[in-house]
PDB file of N, CA and C in Angstrom:
ATOM      1  N   MET A   1       0.842  -1.201  -0.005  1.00  0.00           N
ATOM      2  CA  MET A   1      -0.010   0.012   0.063  1.00  0.00           C
ATOM      3  C   MET A   1       0.858   1.301   0.018  1.00  0.00           C
ATOM      4  N   ARG A   2       0.480   2.149  -0.752  1.00  0.00           N
ATOM      5  CA  ARG A   2       1.374   3.428  -0.898  1.00  0.00           C
ATOM      6  C   ARG A   2       0.748   4.425   0.052  1.00  0.00           C
ATOM      7  N   THR A   3       1.701   5.146   0.766  1.00  0.00           N
ATOM      8  CA  THR A   3       1.448   6.161   1.726  1.00  0.00           C
ATOM      9  C   THR A   3       1.206   7.459   1.013  1.00  0.00           C
ATOM     10  N   LYS A   4       0.303   8.225   1.385  1.00  0.00           N
ATOM     11  CA  LYS A   4       0.068   9.562   0.715  1.00  0.00           C
ATOM     12  C   LYS A   4       1.078  10.443   1.250  1.00  0.00           C
ATOM     13  N   ARG A   5       1.797  11.084   0.428  1.00  0.00           N
ATOM     14  CA  ARG A   5       2.939  12.092   0.673  1.00  0.00           C
ATOM     15  C   ARG A   5       2.602  13.366   0.108  1.00  0.00           C
ATOM     16  N   GLN A   6       3.191  14.450   0.717  1.00  0.00           N
ATOM     17  CA  GLN A   6       3.073  15.758   0.258  1.00  0.00           C
ATOM     18  C   GLN A   6       4.411  16.447   0.290  1.00  0.00           C
ATOM     19  N   GLY A   7       4.614  17.332  -0.654  1.00  0.00           N
ATOM     20  CA  GLY A   7       5.914  18.059  -0.740  1.00  0.00           C
ATOM     21  C   GLY A   7       5.839  19.284   0.269  1.00  0.00           C
ATOM     22  N   LEU A   8       7.136  19.552   0.720  1.00  0.00           N
ATOM     23  CA  LEU A   8       7.342  20.784   1.568  1.00  0.00           C
ATOM     24  C   LEU A   8       8.498  21.528   0.905  1.00  0.00           C
ATOM     25  N   VAL A   9       8.430  22.789   0.836  1.00  0.00           N
ATOM     26  CA  VAL A   9       9.514  23.680   0.250  1.00  0.00           C
ATOM     27  C   VAL A   9      10.118  24.391   1.435  1.00  0.00           C
ATOM     28  N   VAL A  10      11.380  24.105   1.828  1.00  0.00           N
ATOM     29  CA  VAL A  10      11.935  24.675   2.967  1.00  0.00           C
ATOM     30  C   VAL A  10      13.063  25.671   2.585  1.00  0.00           C
ATOM     31  N   TYR A  11      12.841  26.957   2.926  1.00  0.00           N
ATOM     32  CA  TYR A  11      13.787  27.998   2.599  1.00  0.00           C
ATOM     33  C   TYR A  11      14.766  28.119   3.783  1.00  0.00           C
ATOM     34  N   PHE A  12      16.021  28.070   3.481  1.00  0.00           N
ATOM     35  CA  PHE A  12      17.090  28.170   4.498  1.00  0.00           C
ATOM     36  C   PHE A  12      18.105  29.235   4.229  1.00  0.00           C
ATOM     37  N   GLN A  13      19.158  29.443   5.223  1.00  0.00           N
ATOM     38  CA  GLN A  13      20.105  30.452   5.040  1.00  0.00           C
ATOM     39  C   GLN A  13      21.380  29.959   4.466  1.00  0.00           C
ATOM     40  N   HIS A  14      21.824  28.702   4.897  1.00  0.00           N
ATOM     41  CA  HIS A  14      23.112  28.265   4.501  1.00  0.00           C
ATOM     42  C   HIS A  14      22.981  26.706   3.983  1.00  0.00           C
ATOM     43  N   MET A  15      23.721  26.343   3.049  1.00  0.00           N
ATOM     44  CA  MET A  15      23.672  25.033   2.483  1.00  0.00           C
ATOM     45  C   MET A  15      24.184  23.947   3.602  1.00  0.00           C
ATOM     46  N   LYS A  16      25.022  24.390   4.486  1.00  0.00           N
ATOM     47  CA  LYS A  16      25.610  23.545   5.480  1.00  0.00           C
ATOM     48  C   LYS A  16      24.578  22.855   6.381  1.00  0.00           C
ATOM     49  N   ASN A  17      23.362  23.479   6.403  1.00  0.00           N
ATOM     50  CA  ASN A  17      22.149  22.989   7.171  1.00  0.00           C
ATOM     51  C   ASN A  17      21.310  21.870   6.544  1.00  0.00           C
ATOM     52  N   ILE A  18      21.702  21.453   5.389  1.00  0.00           N
ATOM     53  CA  ILE A  18      20.876  20.498   4.669  1.00  0.00           C
ATOM     54  C   ILE A  18      20.761  19.190   5.442  1.00  0.00           C
ATOM     55  N   ARG A  19      21.831  18.741   6.216  1.00  0.00           N
ATOM     56  CA  ARG A  19      21.834  17.553   6.924  1.00  0.00           C
ATOM     57  C   ARG A  19      20.654  17.494   7.957  1.00  0.00           C
ATOM     58  N   GLN A  20      20.503  18.627   8.616  1.00  0.00           N
ATOM     59  CA  GLN A  20      19.446  18.775   9.677  1.00  0.00           C
ATOM     60  C   GLN A  20      18.031  18.750   8.987  1.00  0.00           C
ATOM     61  N   ILE A  21      17.954  19.291   7.765  1.00  0.00           N
ATOM     62  CA  ILE A  21      16.650  19.254   7.089  1.00  0.00           C
ATOM     63  C   ILE A  21      16.388  17.860   6.542  1.00  0.00           C
ATOM     64  N   LYS A  22      17.306  17.152   6.083  1.00  0.00           N
ATOM     65  CA  LYS A  22      17.218  15.774   5.641  1.00  0.00           C
ATOM     66  C   LYS A  22      16.512  14.917   6.720  1.00  0.00           C
ATOM     67  N   LYS A  23      16.768  15.096   7.969  1.00  0.00           N
ATOM     68  CA  LYS A  23      16.259  14.255   8.943  1.00  0.00           C
ATOM     69  C   LYS A  23      14.684  14.290   9.135  1.00  0.00           C
ATOM     70  N   HIS A  24      14.068  15.375   8.550  1.00  0.00           N
ATOM     71  CA  HIS A  24      12.656  15.496   8.672  1.00  0.00           C
ATOM     72  C   HIS A  24      11.774  14.929   7.596  1.00  0.00           C
ATOM     73  N   GLY A  25      12.444  14.373   6.501  1.00  0.00           N
ATOM     74  CA  GLY A  25      11.664  13.833   5.366  1.00  0.00           C
ATOM     75  C   GLY A  25      12.644  13.382   4.268  1.00  0.00           C
ATOM     76  N   HIS A  26      12.039  13.056   3.094  1.00  0.00           N
ATOM     77  CA  HIS A  26      12.787  12.507   2.038  1.00  0.00           C
ATOM     78  C   HIS A  26      13.257  13.679   1.099  1.00  0.00           C
ATOM     79  N   LEU A  27      14.465  14.029   1.142  1.00  0.00           N
ATOM     80  CA  LEU A  27      15.001  15.155   0.357  1.00  0.00           C
ATOM     81  C   LEU A  27      14.988  14.766  -1.123  1.00  0.00           C
ATOM     82  N   ILE A  28      14.363  15.619  -1.899  1.00  0.00           N
ATOM     83  CA  ILE A  28      14.329  15.445  -3.362  1.00  0.00           C
ATOM     84  C   ILE A  28      15.341  16.307  -4.114  1.00  0.00           C
ATOM     85  N   HIS A  29      15.315  17.556  -3.800  1.00  0.00           N
ATOM     86  CA  HIS A  29      16.147  18.583  -4.454  1.00  0.00           C
ATOM     87  C   HIS A  29      16.567  19.710  -3.472  1.00  0.00           C
ATOM     88  N   ALA A  30      17.771  20.190  -3.658  1.00  0.00           N
ATOM     89  CA  ALA A  30      18.234  21.396  -2.862  1.00  0.00           C
ATOM     90  C   ALA A  30      18.924  22.321  -3.832  1.00  0.00           C
ATOM     91  N   SER A  31      18.540  23.634  -3.817  1.00  0.00           N
ATOM     92  CA  SER A  31      19.070  24.561  -4.651  1.00  0.00           C
ATOM     93  C   SER A  31      20.059  25.463  -3.916  1.00  0.00           C
ATOM     94  N   LYS A  32      21.331  25.468  -4.463  1.00  0.00           N
ATOM     95  CA  LYS A  32      22.359  26.304  -3.843  1.00  0.00           C
ATOM     96  C   LYS A  32      22.083  27.776  -3.983  1.00  0.00           C
ATOM     97  N   LYS A  33      21.759  28.103  -5.257  1.00  0.00           N
ATOM     98  CA  LYS A  33      21.584  29.542  -5.612  1.00  0.00           C
ATOM     99  C   LYS A  33      20.369  30.173  -4.934  1.00  0.00           C
ATOM    100  N   GLN A  34      19.161  29.467  -4.988  1.00  0.00           N
ATOM    101  CA  GLN A  34      18.000  30.042  -4.380  1.00  0.00           C
ATOM    102  C   GLN A  34      17.715  29.710  -2.941  1.00  0.00           C
ATOM    103  N   LYS A  35      18.575  28.711  -2.362  1.00  0.00           N
ATOM    104  CA  LYS A  35      18.639  28.318  -0.939  1.00  0.00           C
ATOM    105  C   LYS A  35      17.154  27.846  -0.531  1.00  0.00           C
ATOM    106  N   TYR A  36      16.768  26.778  -1.149  1.00  0.00           N
ATOM    107  CA  TYR A  36      15.559  26.071  -0.714  1.00  0.00           C
ATOM    108  C   TYR A  36      15.801  24.552  -0.958  1.00  0.00           C
ATOM    109  N   ALA A  37      15.066  23.741  -0.303  1.00  0.00           N
ATOM    110  CA  ALA A  37      15.094  22.379  -0.311  1.00  0.00           C
ATOM    111  C   ALA A  37      13.671  21.810  -0.496  1.00  0.00           C
ATOM    112  N   LEU A  38      13.466  20.714  -1.292  1.00  0.00           N
ATOM    113  CA  LEU A  38      12.186  20.197  -1.576  1.00  0.00           C
ATOM    114  C   LEU A  38      12.241  18.800  -0.821  1.00  0.00           C
ATOM    115  N   LEU A  39      11.218  18.659   0.147  1.00  0.00           N
ATOM    116  CA  LEU A  39      11.094  17.392   0.937  1.00  0.00           C
ATOM    117  C   LEU A  39       9.771  16.795   0.690  1.00  0.00           C
ATOM    118  N   TYR A  40       9.752  15.457   0.818  1.00  0.00           N
ATOM    119  CA  TYR A  40       8.403  14.791   0.781  1.00  0.00           C
ATOM    120  C   TYR A  40       8.311  14.213   2.215  1.00  0.00           C
ATOM    121  N   VAL A  41       7.049  14.465   2.786  1.00  0.00           N
ATOM    122  CA  VAL A  41       6.702  13.827   4.184  1.00  0.00           C
ATOM    123  C   VAL A  41       5.349  13.211   4.020  1.00  0.00           C
ATOM    124  N   ASP A  42       4.981  12.332   4.971  1.00  0.00           N
ATOM    125  CA  ASP A  42       3.612  11.763   5.013  1.00  0.00           C
ATOM    126  C   ASP A  42       2.635  12.854   5.258  1.00  0.00           C
ATOM    127  N   GLN A  43       1.388  12.626   4.639  1.00  0.00           N
ATOM    128  CA  GLN A  43       0.458  13.657   4.737  1.00  0.00           C
ATOM    129  C   GLN A  43      -0.187  13.897   6.141  1.00  0.00           C
ATOM    130  N   GLU A  44      -0.260  12.752   6.902  1.00  0.00           N
ATOM    131  CA  GLU A  44      -0.746  12.911   8.274  1.00  0.00           C
ATOM    132  C   GLU A  44       0.311  13.565   9.256  1.00  0.00           C
ATOM    133  N   ASP A  45       1.458  13.626   8.873  1.00  0.00           N
ATOM    134  CA  ASP A  45       2.532  14.296   9.686  1.00  0.00           C
ATOM    135  C   ASP A  45       2.870  15.659   9.256  1.00  0.00           C
ATOM    136  N   ILE A  46       2.171  16.226   8.216  1.00  0.00           N
ATOM    137  CA  ILE A  46       2.633  17.435   7.663  1.00  0.00           C
ATOM    138  C   ILE A  46       2.642  18.633   8.600  1.00  0.00           C
ATOM    139  N   GLU A  47       1.589  18.742   9.470  1.00  0.00           N
ATOM    140  CA  GLU A  47       1.506  19.886  10.318  1.00  0.00           C
ATOM    141  C   GLU A  47       2.657  19.827  11.395  1.00  0.00           C
ATOM    142  N   PHE A  48       2.844  18.566  11.890  1.00  0.00           N
ATOM    143  CA  PHE A  48       3.949  18.508  12.933  1.00  0.00           C
ATOM    144  C   PHE A  48       5.326  18.696  12.291  1.00  0.00           C
ATOM    145  N   LYS A  49       5.594  18.204  11.096  1.00  0.00           N
ATOM    146  CA  LYS A  49       6.868  18.511  10.494  1.00  0.00           C
ATOM    147  C   LYS A  49       7.064  19.970  10.102  1.00  0.00           C
ATOM    148  N   MET A  50       5.964  20.663   9.683  1.00  0.00           N
ATOM    149  CA  MET A  50       6.096  22.009   9.299  1.00  0.00           C
ATOM    150  C   MET A  50       6.488  22.941  10.603  1.00  0.00           C
ATOM    151  N   ASP A  51       5.830  22.500  11.698  1.00  0.00           N
ATOM    152  CA  ASP A  51       6.077  23.148  13.002  1.00  0.00           C
ATOM    153  C   ASP A  51       7.476  22.986  13.475  1.00  0.00           C
ATOM    154  N   LYS A  52       8.001  21.735  13.302  1.00  0.00           N
ATOM    155  CA  LYS A  52       9.321  21.432  13.655  1.00  0.00           C
ATOM    156  C   LYS A  52      10.431  22.121  12.841  1.00  0.00           C
ATOM    157  N   LEU A  53      10.216  22.128  11.554  1.00  0.00           N
ATOM    158  CA  LEU A  53      11.093  22.808  10.628  1.00  0.00           C
ATOM    159  C   LEU A  53      11.079  24.304  10.852  1.00  0.00           C
ATOM    160  N   GLU A  54       9.939  24.964  11.142  1.00  0.00           N
ATOM    161  CA  GLU A  54       9.917  26.350  11.349  1.00  0.00           C
ATOM    162  C   GLU A  54      10.529  26.769  12.602  1.00  0.00           C
ATOM    163  N   ARG A  55      10.735  25.914  13.585  1.00  0.00           N
ATOM    164  CA  ARG A  55      11.331  26.310  14.823  1.00  0.00           C
ATOM    165  C   ARG A  55      12.904  26.281  14.631  1.00  0.00           C
ATOM    166  N   LEU A  56      13.389  25.609  13.627  1.00  0.00           N
ATOM    167  CA  LEU A  56      14.890  25.618  13.461  1.00  0.00           C
ATOM    168  C   LEU A  56      15.401  27.024  13.130  1.00  0.00           C
ATOM    169  N   PRO A  57      16.434  27.373  13.707  1.00  0.00           N
ATOM    170  CA  PRO A  57      16.978  28.788  13.607  1.00  0.00           C
ATOM    171  C   PRO A  57      17.408  29.153  12.255  1.00  0.00           C
ATOM    172  N   PHE A  58      17.914  28.221  11.417  1.00  0.00           N
ATOM    173  CA  PHE A  58      18.395  28.604  10.061  1.00  0.00           C
ATOM    174  C   PHE A  58      17.299  28.601   9.059  1.00  0.00           C
ATOM    175  N   VAL A  59      16.080  28.222   9.347  1.00  0.00           N
ATOM    176  CA  VAL A  59      14.926  28.009   8.314  1.00  0.00           C
ATOM    177  C   VAL A  59      14.283  29.383   8.271  1.00  0.00           C
ATOM    178  N   SER A  60      14.118  29.897   7.068  1.00  0.00           N
ATOM    179  CA  SER A  60      13.401  31.246   6.891  1.00  0.00           C
ATOM    180  C   SER A  60      11.903  30.950   6.814  1.00  0.00           C
ATOM    181  N   ARG A  61      11.369  29.978   6.034  1.00  0.00           N
ATOM    182  CA  ARG A  61      10.054  29.687   6.000  1.00  0.00           C
ATOM    183  C   ARG A  61       9.819  28.347   5.403  1.00  0.00           C
ATOM    184  N   VAL A  62       8.646  27.804   5.599  1.00  0.00           N
ATOM    185  CA  VAL A  62       8.228  26.448   5.074  1.00  0.00           C
ATOM    186  C   VAL A  62       6.912  26.579   4.384  1.00  0.00           C
ATOM    187  N   VAL A  63       6.876  26.112   3.172  1.00  0.00           N
ATOM    188  CA  VAL A  63       5.637  26.234   2.323  1.00  0.00           C
ATOM    189  C   VAL A  63       5.319  24.867   1.931  1.00  0.00           C
ATOM    190  N   PRO A  64       3.944  24.441   2.102  1.00  0.00           N
ATOM    191  CA  PRO A  64       3.506  23.163   1.702  1.00  0.00           C
ATOM    192  C   PRO A  64       3.148  23.123   0.181  1.00  0.00           C
ATOM    193  N   SER A  65       3.237  22.087  -0.449  1.00  0.00           N
ATOM    194  CA  SER A  65       2.885  21.926  -1.863  1.00  0.00           C
ATOM    195  C   SER A  65       1.320  21.884  -1.960  1.00  0.00           C
ATOM    196  N   HIS A  66       0.747  22.382  -2.980  1.00  0.00           N
ATOM    197  CA  HIS A  66      -0.665  22.490  -3.228  1.00  0.00           C
ATOM    198  C   HIS A  66      -1.034  21.222  -4.155  1.00  0.00           C
ATOM    199  N   LYS A  67      -0.190  20.357  -4.593  1.00  0.00           N
ATOM    200  CA  LYS A  67      -0.484  19.346  -5.477  1.00  0.00           C
ATOM    201  C   LYS A  67      -1.712  18.492  -5.103  1.00  0.00           C
ATOM    202  N   PRO A  68      -1.722  17.993  -3.751  1.00  0.00           N
ATOM    203  CA  PRO A  68      -2.904  17.122  -3.360  1.00  0.00           C
ATOM    204  C   PRO A  68      -4.180  17.834  -3.506  1.00  0.00           C
ATOM    205  N   GLU A  69      -4.225  19.143  -3.444  1.00  0.00           N
ATOM    206  CA  GLU A  69      -5.511  19.899  -3.464  1.00  0.00           C
ATOM    207  C   GLU A  69      -6.031  20.138  -4.967  1.00  0.00           C
ATOM    208  N   ILE A  70      -5.146  19.903  -5.957  1.00  0.00           N
ATOM    209  CA  ILE A  70      -5.475  20.092  -7.315  1.00  0.00           C
ATOM    210  C   ILE A  70      -6.324  18.902  -7.829  1.00  0.00           C
ATOM    211  N   ARG A  71      -7.390  19.290  -8.494  1.00  0.00           N
ATOM    212  CA  ARG A  71      -8.270  18.153  -9.180  1.00  0.00           C
ATOM    213  C   ARG A  71      -7.669  17.626 -10.417  1.00  0.00           C
ATOM    214  N   THR A  72      -7.492  16.325 -10.506  1.00  0.00           N
ATOM    215  CA  THR A  72      -6.793  15.788 -11.708  1.00  0.00           C
ATOM    216  C   THR A  72      -7.846  15.012 -12.522  1.00  0.00           C
ATOM    217  N   GLU A  73      -9.076  14.888 -12.128  1.00  0.00           N
ATOM    218  CA  GLU A  73     -10.032  14.130 -12.943  1.00  0.00           C
ATOM    219  C   GLU A  73     -10.973  15.177 -13.619  1.00  0.00           C
ATOM    220  N   TYR A  74     -10.954  15.085 -14.911  1.00  0.00           N
ATOM    221  CA  TYR A  74     -11.761  16.032 -15.603  1.00  0.00           C
ATOM    222  C   TYR A  74     -12.968  15.362 -16.271  1.00  0.00           C
ATOM    223  N   GLU A  75     -14.072  16.066 -16.264  1.00  0.00           N
ATOM    224  CA  GLU A  75     -15.341  15.358 -16.590  1.00  0.00           C
ATOM    225  C   GLU A  75     -15.769  15.747 -18.082  1.00  0.00           C
ATOM    226  N   ASN A  76     -15.289  16.917 -18.518  1.00  0.00           N
ATOM    227  CA  ASN A  76     -15.704  17.289 -19.932  1.00  0.00           C
ATOM    228  C   ASN A  76     -14.587  17.283 -20.904  1.00  0.00           C
ATOM    229  N   ALA A  77     -13.711  16.277 -20.753  1.00  0.00           N
ATOM    230  CA  ALA A  77     -12.719  16.162 -21.744  1.00  0.00           C
ATOM    231  C   ALA A  77     -13.201  15.516 -22.969  1.00  0.00           C
ATOM    232  N   LYS A  78     -13.345  16.223 -24.049  1.00  0.00           N
ATOM    233  CA  LYS A  78     -13.903  15.761 -25.276  1.00  0.00           C
ATOM    234  C   LYS A  78     -12.706  15.425 -26.216  1.00  0.00           C
ATOM    235  N   PRO A  79     -12.699  14.193 -26.651  1.00  0.00           N
ATOM    236  CA  PRO A  79     -11.556  13.832 -27.669  1.00  0.00           C
ATOM    237  C   PRO A  79     -11.748  14.567 -28.975  1.00  0.00           C
ATOM    238  N   ASP A  80     -10.659  14.858 -29.708  1.00  0.00           N
ATOM    239  CA  ASP A  80     -10.700  15.510 -30.914  1.00  0.00           C
ATOM    240  C   ASP A  80     -11.268  14.483 -32.004  1.00  0.00           C
ATOM    241  N   LYS A  81     -12.177  14.998 -32.943  1.00  0.00           N
ATOM    242  CA  LYS A  81     -12.764  14.228 -33.855  1.00  0.00           C
ATOM    243  C   LYS A  81     -11.770  13.685 -34.960  1.00  0.00           C
ATOM    244  N   ALA A  82     -10.896  14.492 -35.339  1.00  0.00           N
ATOM    245  CA  ALA A  82      -9.838  14.055 -36.245  1.00  0.00           C
ATOM    246  C   ALA A  82      -8.931  12.888 -35.794  1.00  0.00           C
ATOM    247  N   LYS A  83      -8.596  13.004 -34.554  1.00  0.00           N
ATOM    248  CA  LYS A  83      -7.758  11.939 -33.960  1.00  0.00           C
ATOM    249  C   LYS A  83      -8.571  10.667 -33.842  1.00  0.00           C
ATOM    250  N   GLN A  84      -9.754  10.732 -33.436  1.00  0.00           N
ATOM    251  CA  GLN A  84     -10.642   9.480 -33.396  1.00  0.00           C
ATOM    252  C   GLN A  84     -10.685   8.875 -34.716  1.00  0.00           C
ATOM    253  N   TYR A  85     -10.839   9.659 -35.750  1.00  0.00           N
ATOM    254  CA  TYR A  85     -10.960   9.066 -37.127  1.00  0.00           C
ATOM    255  C   TYR A  85      -9.637   8.437 -37.501  1.00  0.00           C
ATOM    256  N   ASP A  86      -8.503   9.007 -37.195  1.00  0.00           N
ATOM    257  CA  ASP A  86      -7.229   8.421 -37.421  1.00  0.00           C
ATOM    258  C   ASP A  86      -6.954   7.117 -36.729  1.00  0.00           C
ATOM    259  N   TYR A  87      -7.427   6.999 -35.498  1.00  0.00           N
ATOM    260  CA  TYR A  87      -7.303   5.803 -34.748  1.00  0.00           C
ATOM    261  C   TYR A  87      -8.108   4.654 -35.269  1.00  0.00           C
ATOM    262  N   LYS A  88      -9.324   4.976 -35.825  1.00  0.00           N
ATOM    263  CA  LYS A  88     -10.137   3.920 -36.284  1.00  0.00           C
ATOM    264  C   LYS A  88      -9.583   3.425 -37.690  1.00  0.00           C
ATOM    265  N   MET A  89      -8.917   4.290 -38.424  1.00  0.00           N
ATOM    266  CA  MET A  89      -8.387   3.868 -39.642  1.00  0.00           C
ATOM    267  C   MET A  89      -7.022   3.142 -39.478  1.00  0.00           C
ATOM    268  N   GLY A  90      -6.424   3.248 -38.340  1.00  0.00           N
ATOM    269  CA  GLY A  90      -5.092   2.419 -38.050  1.00  0.00           C
ATOM    270  C   GLY A  90      -3.867   3.171 -38.517  1.00  0.00           C
ATOM    271  N   ILE A  91      -4.009   4.490 -38.554  1.00  0.00           N
ATOM    272  CA  ILE A  91      -2.845   5.306 -39.016  1.00  0.00           C
ATOM    273  C   ILE A  91      -1.842   5.417 -37.788  1.00  0.00           C
TER     274      ILE A  91
END
C-alpha cells in the first residue's frame, strides 16, 4: 500500500544545514543559488513536520505543496474528432 505524501519547500540560510533538514523527510532537491530544499513527508505528519522545521533557527520559511488539492479528474474532456478518425483507420 502506498502512503500519501506531500511536498514541503523549506527555505534556509546556508547549505551546510541540509543535513538537519534531511532528518525530517525524504530530500528530493536542494538549490544552492535560491537556498531552498524540496522534501516529501507523509500527509498525516505534515503539520507536525512544518512546525518542527519552522522552529529551526536557520529556516526562513516552510511552504506546503498544493498538488494534493488540485483536481486531476476532468469530466468534460472531449476527444478530438480528427484523432478519433485516425485511430479507427489504423494510421
